[in-house]
Structure formats: structure tokens, C-alpha cells
Protein backbone atom coordinates (compact mmCIF):
# COMPACT_ATOMS: atom_id res chain seq x y z
CA MET A 1 -15.31 46.26 -35.98
CA SER A 2 -13.71 42.85 -35.89
CA TYR A 3 -15.22 39.90 -34.11
CA GLN A 4 -12.60 37.44 -33.00
CA ILE A 5 -12.38 34.76 -30.42
CA PRO A 6 -10.94 35.93 -27.05
CA ARG A 7 -7.25 35.27 -26.42
CA GLY A 8 -6.50 31.89 -24.88
CA THR A 9 -9.72 30.27 -26.08
CA GLN A 10 -10.47 28.10 -29.10
CA ASP A 11 -13.36 26.89 -31.22
CA ILE A 12 -13.63 23.15 -31.56
CA LEU A 13 -14.78 23.07 -35.17
CA PRO A 14 -17.05 20.40 -36.67
CA ALA A 15 -14.06 19.04 -38.59
CA SER A 16 -12.26 18.08 -35.37
CA SER A 17 -15.16 17.45 -33.00
CA SER A 18 -15.26 13.77 -33.95
CA LYS A 19 -11.89 13.19 -32.27
CA TRP A 20 -13.17 14.94 -29.13
CA GLN A 21 -16.18 12.65 -29.14
CA ALA A 22 -14.01 9.58 -29.63
CA LEU A 23 -11.89 10.66 -26.66
CA GLU A 24 -14.96 11.36 -24.51
CA GLN A 25 -16.41 7.99 -25.42
CA THR A 26 -13.24 6.17 -24.29
CA LEU A 27 -13.17 8.13 -21.02
CA ARG A 28 -16.85 7.41 -20.31
CA HIS A 29 -16.45 3.74 -21.19
CA PHE A 30 -13.59 3.18 -18.74
CA CYS A 31 -15.43 5.04 -15.98
CA TYR A 32 -18.42 2.81 -16.61
CA LEU A 33 -16.24 -0.31 -16.25
CA TYR A 34 -14.68 1.01 -13.03
CA GLY A 35 -17.98 2.11 -11.49
CA PHE A 36 -17.47 5.88 -11.70
CA ASN A 37 -20.65 7.87 -12.45
CA GLU A 38 -20.81 11.34 -13.99
CA ILE A 39 -21.46 14.46 -11.91
CA ARG A 40 -22.11 17.86 -13.50
CA THR A 41 -21.52 20.86 -11.25
CA PRO A 42 -21.99 24.58 -12.11
CA PHE A 43 -19.40 26.40 -14.22
CA PHE A 44 -19.12 29.01 -11.44
CA GLU A 45 -19.24 28.71 -7.66
CA HIS A 46 -19.02 31.02 -4.67
CA THR A 47 -15.45 32.27 -4.59
CA ASN A 48 -14.70 30.70 -1.20
CA VAL A 49 -15.22 27.23 -2.73
CA PHE A 50 -11.86 27.77 -4.47
CA LYS A 51 -10.18 30.42 -2.35
CA ARG A 52 -9.35 28.75 0.92
CA ASP A 53 -7.27 30.38 3.66
CA ASN A 54 -3.55 30.13 3.24
CA ASP A 55 -3.60 28.60 -0.25
CA SER A 56 -0.24 29.25 -1.87
CA SER A 57 -1.12 27.93 -5.31
CA ASP A 58 -0.74 30.26 -8.30
CA MET A 59 -4.16 29.20 -9.46
CA VAL A 60 -5.82 30.76 -6.42
CA ASN A 61 -3.46 33.70 -6.09
CA LYS A 62 -3.29 34.90 -9.68
CA GLU A 63 -5.36 32.96 -12.16
CA MET A 64 -9.01 33.01 -11.11
CA TYR A 65 -11.75 34.82 -13.02
CA THR A 66 -13.71 36.33 -10.14
CA PHE A 67 -16.64 38.71 -10.45
CA GLN A 68 -18.94 40.56 -8.09
CA LEU A 69 -22.68 40.53 -8.72
CA ALA A 70 -24.17 44.02 -9.22
CA ASN A 71 -25.54 45.55 -5.99
CA SER A 72 -24.52 42.53 -3.96
CA SER A 73 -21.67 41.32 -1.81
CA THR A 74 -21.78 37.92 -3.52
CA SER A 75 -18.47 37.04 -5.19
CA LEU A 76 -18.49 34.28 -7.79
CA THR A 77 -15.59 32.57 -9.58
CA LEU A 78 -15.48 30.62 -12.83
CA ARG A 79 -14.21 27.20 -11.82
CA PRO A 80 -10.44 26.85 -12.37
CA GLU A 81 -10.51 23.12 -11.54
CA GLY A 82 -13.07 20.40 -10.89
CA THR A 83 -12.34 18.84 -7.51
CA ALA A 84 -13.56 21.63 -5.22
CA GLY A 85 -17.03 21.79 -6.81
CA VAL A 86 -17.41 18.01 -6.72
CA VAL A 87 -16.46 17.85 -3.03
CA ARG A 88 -18.78 20.77 -2.26
CA SER A 89 -21.63 18.85 -3.90
CA PHE A 90 -20.66 15.60 -2.13
CA VAL A 91 -21.01 17.34 1.24
CA GLU A 92 -24.03 19.51 0.39
CA ASN A 93 -25.98 16.48 -0.84
CA LYS A 94 -24.84 14.36 2.12
CA MET A 95 -23.44 11.66 -0.17
CA TYR A 96 -21.07 10.76 2.69
CA ALA A 97 -24.03 9.02 4.38
CA ASP A 98 -24.23 6.42 1.59
CA PRO A 99 -23.70 2.91 3.02
CA ASP A 100 -21.53 1.94 0.04
CA LEU A 101 -18.54 4.25 0.13
CA PRO A 102 -16.48 5.31 -1.70
CA ILE A 103 -18.68 7.48 -3.93
CA LYS A 104 -16.91 7.37 -7.29
CA MET A 105 -17.58 10.18 -9.75
CA TYR A 106 -16.18 11.70 -12.90
CA TYR A 107 -16.66 15.13 -14.47
CA MET A 108 -15.95 16.57 -17.88
CA GLY A 109 -16.16 20.16 -19.04
CA PRO A 110 -14.69 23.65 -19.35
CA MET A 111 -12.48 25.28 -16.70
CA ALA A 112 -11.16 28.85 -16.76
CA ARG A 113 -7.77 30.18 -15.67
CA HIS A 114 -6.38 33.60 -16.44
CA GLU A 115 -2.79 32.81 -17.36
CA ARG A 116 -0.41 33.36 -20.22
CA PRO A 117 -1.63 31.16 -23.07
CA GLN A 118 0.89 28.75 -24.62
CA LYS A 119 0.84 25.43 -26.45
CA GLY A 120 -1.40 23.04 -24.53
CA ARG A 121 -2.38 25.74 -22.08
CA LEU A 122 -5.53 27.76 -22.71
CA ARG A 123 -7.51 30.19 -20.58
CA LEU A 124 -10.68 28.27 -21.23
CA PHE A 125 -9.81 24.58 -21.42
CA ASN A 126 -11.59 21.27 -21.03
CA GLN A 127 -10.79 19.02 -18.15
CA PHE A 128 -11.74 15.46 -17.38
CA GLY A 129 -11.31 14.15 -13.86
CA VAL A 130 -12.33 11.46 -11.39
CA GLU A 131 -12.85 11.57 -7.62
CA SER A 132 -13.20 8.63 -5.25
CA LEU A 133 -14.62 10.02 -2.01
CA GLY A 134 -15.13 8.72 1.49
CA VAL A 135 -12.60 5.90 1.86
CA LYS A 136 -8.95 6.15 2.83
CA ASP A 137 -7.26 3.00 1.68
CA PRO A 138 -4.14 2.39 -0.41
CA TYR A 139 -6.21 0.31 -2.84
CA ALA A 140 -8.53 3.25 -3.52
CA ASP A 141 -5.36 5.13 -4.57
CA VAL A 142 -4.23 2.21 -6.70
CA GLU A 143 -7.69 1.98 -8.32
CA VAL A 144 -7.62 5.55 -9.63
CA ILE A 145 -4.00 5.24 -10.81
CA VAL A 146 -4.78 2.02 -12.68
CA LEU A 147 -7.85 3.66 -14.22
CA ALA A 148 -5.72 6.59 -15.42
CA TYR A 149 -2.96 4.39 -16.79
CA SER A 150 -5.43 2.04 -18.54
CA ILE A 151 -7.22 4.92 -20.26
CA LEU A 152 -3.97 6.37 -21.64
CA LYS A 153 -2.78 2.95 -22.80
CA ALA A 154 -6.14 2.20 -24.45
CA LEU A 155 -5.92 5.49 -26.34
CA GLY A 156 -2.60 4.24 -27.68
CA LEU A 157 -0.09 6.34 -25.71
CA ASN A 158 3.13 4.38 -25.27
CA ASP A 159 5.72 6.96 -24.25
CA ILE A 160 4.32 7.46 -20.74
CA LYS A 161 5.36 6.81 -17.17
CA VAL A 162 3.83 7.26 -13.73
CA LEU A 163 5.66 9.54 -11.30
CA LEU A 164 4.76 8.89 -7.70
CA ASN A 165 5.46 10.52 -4.35
CA THR A 166 3.95 10.71 -0.90
CA LEU A 167 3.38 13.85 1.17
CA GLY A 168 2.50 11.76 4.23
CA ASP A 169 -0.20 12.69 6.72
CA ASP A 170 -0.56 16.03 8.51
CA GLU A 171 1.94 15.08 11.20
CA SER A 172 4.62 14.02 8.72
CA ARG A 173 4.00 17.11 6.62
CA ALA A 174 4.25 19.48 9.56
CA ALA A 175 7.63 17.98 10.48
CA TYR A 176 8.79 18.27 6.86
CA ARG A 177 7.54 21.85 6.57
CA ASN A 178 9.57 22.89 9.59
CA ALA A 179 12.66 21.19 8.20
CA LEU A 180 12.24 23.06 4.89
CA ARG A 181 11.70 26.42 6.61
CA GLU A 182 14.84 25.91 8.63
CA TYR A 183 16.86 24.74 5.63
CA PHE A 184 15.74 27.57 3.28
CA ALA A 185 16.02 30.38 5.88
CA PRO A 186 19.53 31.47 4.75
CA TYR A 187 18.60 31.25 1.02
CA VAL A 188 15.14 32.82 0.92
CA GLY A 189 16.54 36.25 0.03
CA ASP A 190 17.93 34.91 -3.27
CA LEU A 191 14.71 33.20 -4.38
CA CYS A 192 12.04 34.57 -6.75
CA ALA A 193 9.11 36.68 -5.51
CA ASP A 194 6.71 33.73 -5.69
CA CYS A 195 9.07 31.62 -3.61
CA LYS A 196 9.32 34.32 -0.94
CA ARG A 197 5.52 34.08 -0.62
CA ARG A 198 5.59 30.28 -0.70
CA TYR A 199 8.24 30.21 2.04
CA GLU A 200 5.70 31.82 4.35
CA GLN A 201 2.53 30.13 3.07
CA ASN A 202 3.64 26.61 2.15
CA PRO A 203 7.35 25.81 1.89
CA LEU A 204 6.60 22.51 0.12
CA ARG A 205 5.83 24.55 -2.98
CA LEU A 206 9.43 25.81 -3.09
CA LEU A 207 10.40 22.43 -4.58
CA ASP A 208 7.93 23.01 -7.40
CA CYS A 209 9.37 26.36 -8.52
CA LYS A 210 9.94 26.66 -12.27
CA ILE A 211 12.35 29.61 -11.85
CA ASP A 212 14.67 28.52 -9.06
CA HIS A 213 14.67 24.77 -9.66
CA ASP A 214 18.30 24.69 -10.89
CA LYS A 215 19.77 26.53 -7.91
CA GLU A 216 22.30 24.69 -5.74
CA CYS A 217 20.16 25.07 -2.61
CA MET A 218 17.28 23.17 -4.30
CA LYS A 219 19.45 20.14 -4.99
CA ASP A 220 20.36 19.59 -1.35
CA ALA A 221 16.94 20.34 0.17
CA PRO A 222 15.65 17.85 2.76
CA ARG A 223 13.49 15.05 1.36
CA MET A 224 9.98 14.13 2.42
CA ALA A 225 10.94 10.45 2.74
CA ASP A 226 13.11 11.25 5.77
CA TYR A 227 10.18 12.79 7.66
CA LEU A 228 7.45 10.18 7.14
CA ASN A 229 5.98 8.58 10.23
CA GLU A 230 5.45 4.82 10.36
CA GLU A 231 1.80 4.91 9.24
CA SER A 232 2.49 7.13 6.21
CA ARG A 233 5.42 5.00 5.12
CA ARG A 234 3.35 1.79 5.38
CA TYR A 235 0.53 3.37 3.40
CA PHE A 236 2.88 4.40 0.58
CA ASP A 237 4.64 1.02 0.51
CA THR A 238 1.30 -0.71 -0.04
CA VAL A 239 0.53 1.57 -3.00
CA CYS A 240 3.94 0.89 -4.54
CA GLN A 241 3.75 -2.88 -4.06
CA ALA A 242 0.29 -3.06 -5.62
CA LEU A 243 1.46 -1.12 -8.70
CA GLU A 244 4.42 -3.51 -9.04
CA GLN A 245 2.12 -6.52 -8.82
CA LEU A 246 0.00 -5.03 -11.60
CA ASP A 247 3.05 -4.32 -13.80
CA ILE A 248 2.45 -0.59 -13.89
CA PRO A 249 5.80 1.15 -14.43
CA TYR A 250 6.33 3.98 -11.95
CA GLU A 251 9.16 6.07 -10.64
CA ILE A 252 9.35 7.75 -7.25
CA ASP A 253 9.97 11.48 -7.69
CA SER A 254 10.68 13.19 -4.39
CA LYS A 255 10.20 16.66 -5.91
CA LEU A 256 6.61 15.95 -6.90
CA VAL A 257 4.40 18.06 -4.61
CA ARG A 258 1.36 19.12 -6.78
CA GLY A 259 0.23 22.71 -6.95
CA LEU A 260 -2.80 22.69 -4.68
CA ASP A 261 -2.33 22.77 -0.94
CA TYR A 262 -4.92 20.22 0.09
CA TYR A 263 -2.98 17.10 -0.95
CA THR A 264 -1.81 14.45 1.53
CA HIS A 265 -0.26 11.00 1.14
CA THR A 266 -0.14 9.74 -2.46
CA VAL A 267 0.47 12.27 -5.23
CA PHE A 268 1.15 11.27 -8.82
CA GLU A 269 1.53 12.46 -12.38
CA ILE A 270 1.58 10.63 -15.66
CA VAL A 271 4.04 12.28 -18.04
CA SER A 272 4.66 11.90 -21.73
CA LEU A 273 8.28 11.19 -22.63
CA ASN A 274 7.68 12.35 -26.20
CA LYS A 275 9.93 15.29 -27.07
CA GLU A 276 7.20 16.89 -29.23
CA MET A 277 5.38 17.70 -26.01
CA GLY A 278 7.97 20.25 -24.88
CA ALA A 279 7.56 21.75 -21.43
CA GLN A 280 3.94 20.63 -21.10
CA SER A 281 4.77 16.98 -20.67
CA THR A 282 2.37 16.26 -17.79
CA VAL A 283 -0.68 14.55 -19.26
CA LEU A 284 -2.52 13.80 -16.02
CA ALA A 285 -2.06 14.59 -12.34
CA GLY A 286 -3.72 13.84 -9.04
CA GLY A 287 -3.46 12.86 -5.44
CA ARG A 288 -5.17 12.16 -2.13
CA TYR A 289 -6.63 14.94 -0.02
CA ASP A 290 -7.60 14.64 3.65
CA GLY A 291 -8.67 18.16 4.55
CA LEU A 292 -11.09 19.00 1.75
CA ILE A 293 -14.24 17.13 2.81
CA PRO A 294 -14.15 18.52 6.39
CA TYR A 295 -13.40 22.01 4.95
CA PHE A 296 -16.80 21.96 3.23
CA GLY A 297 -18.50 20.77 6.41
CA GLY A 298 -18.35 17.02 5.83
CA PRO A 299 -17.29 14.40 8.40
CA GLU A 300 -13.95 15.03 10.14
CA GLY A 301 -11.19 12.73 8.93
CA MET A 302 -13.02 11.75 5.71
CA SER A 303 -10.66 11.59 2.76
CA GLY A 304 -10.77 11.48 -1.02
CA ILE A 305 -8.48 10.87 -3.99
CA GLY A 306 -8.72 11.93 -7.62
CA TRP A 307 -6.94 13.04 -10.75
CA ALA A 308 -7.59 15.28 -13.71
CA LEU A 309 -6.30 15.71 -17.24
CA GLY A 310 -6.50 18.57 -19.70
CA MET A 311 -8.23 17.21 -22.78
CA GLU A 312 -6.52 19.63 -25.18
CA ARG A 313 -3.15 18.57 -23.82
CA LEU A 314 -4.03 14.89 -24.08
CA LEU A 315 -4.98 15.39 -27.74
CA ILE A 316 -1.58 17.04 -28.31
CA ALA A 317 0.12 14.05 -26.67
CA LEU A 318 -1.83 11.67 -28.93
CA GLU A 319 -0.87 13.71 -31.98
CA ALA A 320 2.77 13.68 -30.93
CA GLU A 321 2.67 9.87 -31.03
CA GLY A 322 0.87 9.94 -34.39
CA ILE A 323 -2.43 8.62 -33.00
CA ASN A 324 -5.52 9.78 -34.83
CA LEU A 325 -8.84 9.24 -33.07
CA GLU A 326 -10.88 10.53 -35.98
CA GLU A 327 -12.78 7.96 -37.92
CA ASP A 328 -14.88 9.38 -40.67
CA ASN A 329 -17.05 6.46 -41.65
CA GLY A 330 -18.49 8.33 -44.60
CA LEU A 331 -22.17 8.37 -45.55
CA ASP A 332 -24.29 5.29 -46.04
CA ALA A 333 -26.29 7.04 -48.73
CA TYR A 334 -26.32 10.27 -50.70
CA VAL A 335 -29.63 11.11 -52.33
CA MET A 336 -29.16 12.78 -55.73
CA VAL A 337 -32.06 14.80 -57.11
CA LEU A 338 -32.26 14.44 -60.90
CA ASP A 339 -35.14 16.86 -61.50
CA LYS A 340 -36.87 19.52 -59.47
CA GLU A 341 -40.31 17.87 -59.43
CA ALA A 342 -38.84 14.89 -57.60
CA ARG A 343 -37.43 16.90 -54.68
CA GLY A 344 -40.33 16.20 -52.33
CA TYR A 345 -40.18 12.47 -53.09
CA ALA A 346 -36.38 12.46 -52.69
CA PHE A 347 -36.74 14.10 -49.30
CA GLU A 348 -39.21 11.39 -48.26
CA VAL A 349 -36.68 8.73 -49.26
CA LEU A 350 -33.96 10.59 -47.32
CA THR A 351 -36.11 10.78 -44.18
CA GLU A 352 -36.98 7.10 -44.43
CA LEU A 353 -33.29 6.16 -44.73
CA ARG A 354 -32.47 8.18 -41.62
CA ALA A 355 -35.39 6.69 -39.71
CA TYR A 356 -33.86 3.24 -40.29
CA GLY A 357 -30.48 4.34 -38.99
CA TYR A 358 -28.69 5.06 -42.26
CA ARG A 359 -26.45 8.12 -42.27
CA SER A 360 -27.73 10.04 -45.29
CA GLU A 361 -27.59 13.44 -46.97
CA MET A 362 -29.26 15.05 -49.95
CA ASP A 363 -28.42 17.89 -52.32
CA LEU A 364 -30.19 21.08 -51.21
CA ILE A 365 -28.60 23.52 -53.68
CA GLY A 366 -29.95 22.13 -56.93
CA ARG A 367 -26.54 21.34 -58.39
CA SER A 368 -25.89 19.50 -61.64
CA PHE A 369 -25.57 15.72 -61.73
CA LYS A 370 -21.80 16.09 -61.99
CA GLY A 371 -21.67 18.53 -59.06
CA GLN A 372 -23.68 16.15 -56.90
CA PHE A 373 -21.41 13.29 -57.81
CA LYS A 374 -18.40 15.21 -56.56
CA THR A 375 -20.15 15.45 -53.18
CA VAL A 376 -20.75 11.68 -53.20
CA ASP A 377 -17.00 11.32 -53.61
CA ARG A 378 -16.01 13.87 -50.98
CA LYS A 379 -18.42 12.42 -48.43
CA HIS A 380 -17.18 8.86 -49.05
CA ALA A 381 -20.74 7.66 -49.59
CA LYS A 382 -21.24 3.90 -49.91
CA THR A 383 -24.33 4.30 -52.08
CA ALA A 384 -25.86 7.01 -54.25
CA PHE A 385 -29.63 7.19 -54.71
CA LEU A 386 -30.70 8.60 -58.08
CA ILE A 387 -34.17 10.09 -57.78
CA GLY A 388 -35.97 11.63 -60.75
CA SER A 389 -39.58 11.89 -61.92
CA LYS A 390 -39.44 8.32 -63.28
CA GLU A 391 -38.61 7.01 -59.79
CA MET A 392 -41.30 9.24 -58.30
CA GLU A 393 -43.99 7.91 -60.62
CA GLU A 394 -43.01 4.29 -60.07
CA GLN A 395 -42.45 4.77 -56.31
CA SER A 396 -39.03 3.19 -56.87
CA VAL A 397 -35.41 4.09 -56.16
CA THR A 398 -32.32 3.69 -58.32
CA ILE A 399 -29.35 2.76 -56.15
CA LYS A 400 -25.72 2.92 -57.25
CA LEU A 401 -23.49 0.59 -55.16
CA LEU A 402 -20.26 2.53 -55.39
CA GLU A 403 -17.79 -0.16 -54.32
CA LYS A 404 -19.25 -2.83 -56.58
CA ARG A 405 -19.97 -0.37 -59.40
CA GLU A 406 -23.45 -1.84 -59.83
CA GLN A 407 -26.77 -0.07 -60.24
CA VAL A 408 -30.26 -1.42 -59.46
CA ASN A 409 -33.80 -0.07 -59.59
CA ILE A 410 -36.11 -1.46 -56.88
CA PRO A 411 -39.48 -0.55 -55.32
CA VAL A 412 -39.08 1.95 -52.49
CA ALA A 413 -40.78 -0.58 -50.18
CA ASP A 414 -37.79 -2.96 -50.59
CA MET A 415 -35.14 -0.25 -50.16
CA VAL A 416 -34.35 -0.81 -46.46
CA ALA A 417 -34.14 -4.60 -46.70
CA PHE A 418 -31.90 -4.26 -49.77
CA LEU A 419 -29.54 -1.82 -48.03
CA ASP A 420 -29.41 -3.96 -44.90
CA ARG A 421 -28.16 -6.87 -47.00
CA GLN A 422 -25.70 -4.86 -49.13
CA LEU A 423 -24.06 -2.84 -46.38
CA VAL A 424 -23.76 -5.77 -43.99
CA GLU A 425 -22.12 -7.78 -46.80
CA GLU A 426 -19.69 -4.96 -47.46
CA GLU A 427 -18.74 -4.76 -43.80
CA GLU A 428 -18.18 -8.50 -43.65
CA GLU A 429 -15.92 -8.29 -46.69
CA HIS A 430 -13.88 -5.52 -45.09
CA HIS A 431 -13.69 -7.59 -41.96
CA HIS A 432 -12.59 -10.57 -43.95
CA HIS A 433 -9.78 -8.54 -45.57
CA HIS A 434 -8.62 -7.42 -42.13
CA HIS A 435 -8.35 -11.00 -40.95
CA GLU A 436 -6.46 -12.04 -44.06
CA HIS A 437 -3.89 -9.32 -43.33
CA GLU A 438 -3.63 -10.44 -39.74
CA GLU A 439 -2.81 -13.98 -40.78
CA GLU A 440 -0.13 -12.99 -43.27
């Protein structure tokens, strides 16, 4: 029997988890600055949380992992995206009654979609997203776009741009939908099977088709901009002007409709222009939704806006630009055991070092002096502690300062104070070197 990981999933191994943590730390930090707090919702929900009537998205139609509980009519679905669960929780916990709207939240965690795995697209993937709920104002839209753009810039991505479009309000969309139905009527026979379904369910999605997008009829399709009512146009203009004022480069893309059917007004994507990214160039996507809060039983007319990014895909984008988030700072101390009798004492020293915040390890295999020294090297330790029966008897420690190539023997009681001085000095020296380079 072979035990292997299921198709379309991956292990994040200890060797690469530090870059995940660095990414998560940046995301959390920016959310903290912008006043977004974390929400953690269940990994599965009742199926109707995701499967709404008349949803034409592929995610709902083909990609959900849905299961029936034994001897029960309850149908549950592993979450394929984060927004629906967050809005469900917002309504269920009556957060809409808070006097200080919007409620701004972020989430981070695994999502599941049953689709054909490819580079940057897994069946079980990690998503990070933000939602700003309860206020409909162009500046709430601008706030989440600026947050998204700032995060990607801070991570070091340079080859990116914001694509922006508006779907208008319900009235504008209804007018546009009718225009599309009328326009595509003579062509619908030649379109792919998915498009035939979309024509009935939600003709806006025709513009998003990956199969038919090069057909002549797509190029001349009516444009949303021509069907916007006054209010929708004003709303969108405010968003655009604010982004210009803030020097955030954007481009209006009239074909941008987003896959899920609940979007209204502002929709956006941030794409990587790096050719290494291939077809999966969208790093982050989002938009405003008017119908979702009332759908879950919240106040009529209450709106929200959010975006999400696939963390695996973002890491690929960072790699494509040669950005490495991993910083292995090495060990502060490696405790070398010189003879068996001293093991208990060495372990006491190790525990003391850790208690004072020093990242330390010790040999647990009983390797030779030379073998242990190789580990000191591989682990980039700043100091090596040599502990034998002599040290144990004297209650002392012998410390090798690896950068300075010095060795000292001191009482164990002075060890922490000594390390504090040495390692702070070393850091200052490094810092000093950095500044010298900067001035050159």
C-alpha cells in the first residue's frame, strides 16, 4: 500500500513554513494598521450558504465538495471561498447593529475546490481576504483597494497593476443584462456549453469565458459603461478620482466581471505582469456586493466590499520577481555535549538559554565533537557551548564566539548577561556595516 498526499493538495514543509509565516505576519500587520480584525469561521457550512439560487459561477456549479451527513437531510459543503461564511456570521451575530460601521474583518485559512489542479491552483489552497461590511461609500471601496495595493508593494512586488470596472447597481445591471441577451441571441448556438448555461443564468459571465473570448462576437459586445445610471457613474468616478489622487496606477477593464454573481458597483483585480506567472496572473481580486447581507437575513440595502488572494499564488508571484521572504536567522547557541555524564547539566543550560529568549539546540544523538561541530555550522549558530564534566563540576560554561573566534569560560550564573552583551554587540556591528554600505 502506498500512502501519498491526495491530488491537488500539498504539504507545507518545515523548510518553507518560515516564508508562509513571514507572509502571514505582513498581512496581519497591515490589517492591524487599517483597523481590520480577524474572524475565523468553520471550514464547512450548510450548503445553502454557498449555493444560492441562480448562481452561474463554476465554483458553485462544478467545484464544491459537498457531503450528506449519515441518516440526515443535512447537506454540508467545504468552504470554496471566504466571503459567504463571513457575511453569514456578520448577520447571525447581529454585527450590523454596531454603532460604528463598517465592521472590518480579515480571514486566513484553507478553502477547497474540486477542479483540475495546475500551477498556482490547488484543490485545497490557502486564502487570505478582507471584508468591510455595512457601509456603502466610494471611500470604503478605495480603502480596501489601497490596503491590497500597499500589502503587495510592501512584499516587494513591482510588476503589478490594478484593473478596475463597475457593474453598476441593480437597475444598471438589469438594463445591461437585457442588452447582452439581445446582442448574443443570434450567436448563442456557436458558444461553448458553459456559455449556453450562462446566457440563461447570467449573461454578464459570457464576457468572462476562457474558451470563447477570442470570437468576433465577443469583441463587439455592448459595454457596461453605456448602461450605467447617473448614481452608478458618479459612484465609480469618485473611486477613480481617489485612486488617482493617491497615485495608485489603475486601468479600467470593461471585460472584468468577477466570477461570483453577487457583485455590484466596483470590481477589481490586481494582476502580475511578470511572464513567469503564465495564465494565473491574477494575484488578488474583489468587489462590492449589495445583495449578500440581505440574502442571509440582514438589513435590506446593506452592502459590503472585500477582496481575497490565494496565498500559494502570491508566493509564486513573489518567486517570479526573485523575492525571498525566508530569513533564517540561525541559532543563538548550540550546546555541545563533550561527555555523557554532563548531559543532564547541558540540558539545564539549554533550558535556561531558552527561558531567556535565546534560540538554542543541543545534540541528542551523542555524536562526536566533530559531528556536533558540523551541526553548529549547518545551523548558522552564533555561539557554541562546550559542556563536559569539568564545566559540570565548576558550574561553568565554555562559550565559543564563532564570529570573533574567541573562547571564554565563565560561571553559569554570568552566562545570560555575557550573551546579552555579546549578541547585542554583534547585531550593532552588522547594523553598522549596513549603514556603511548605504552611504557608499
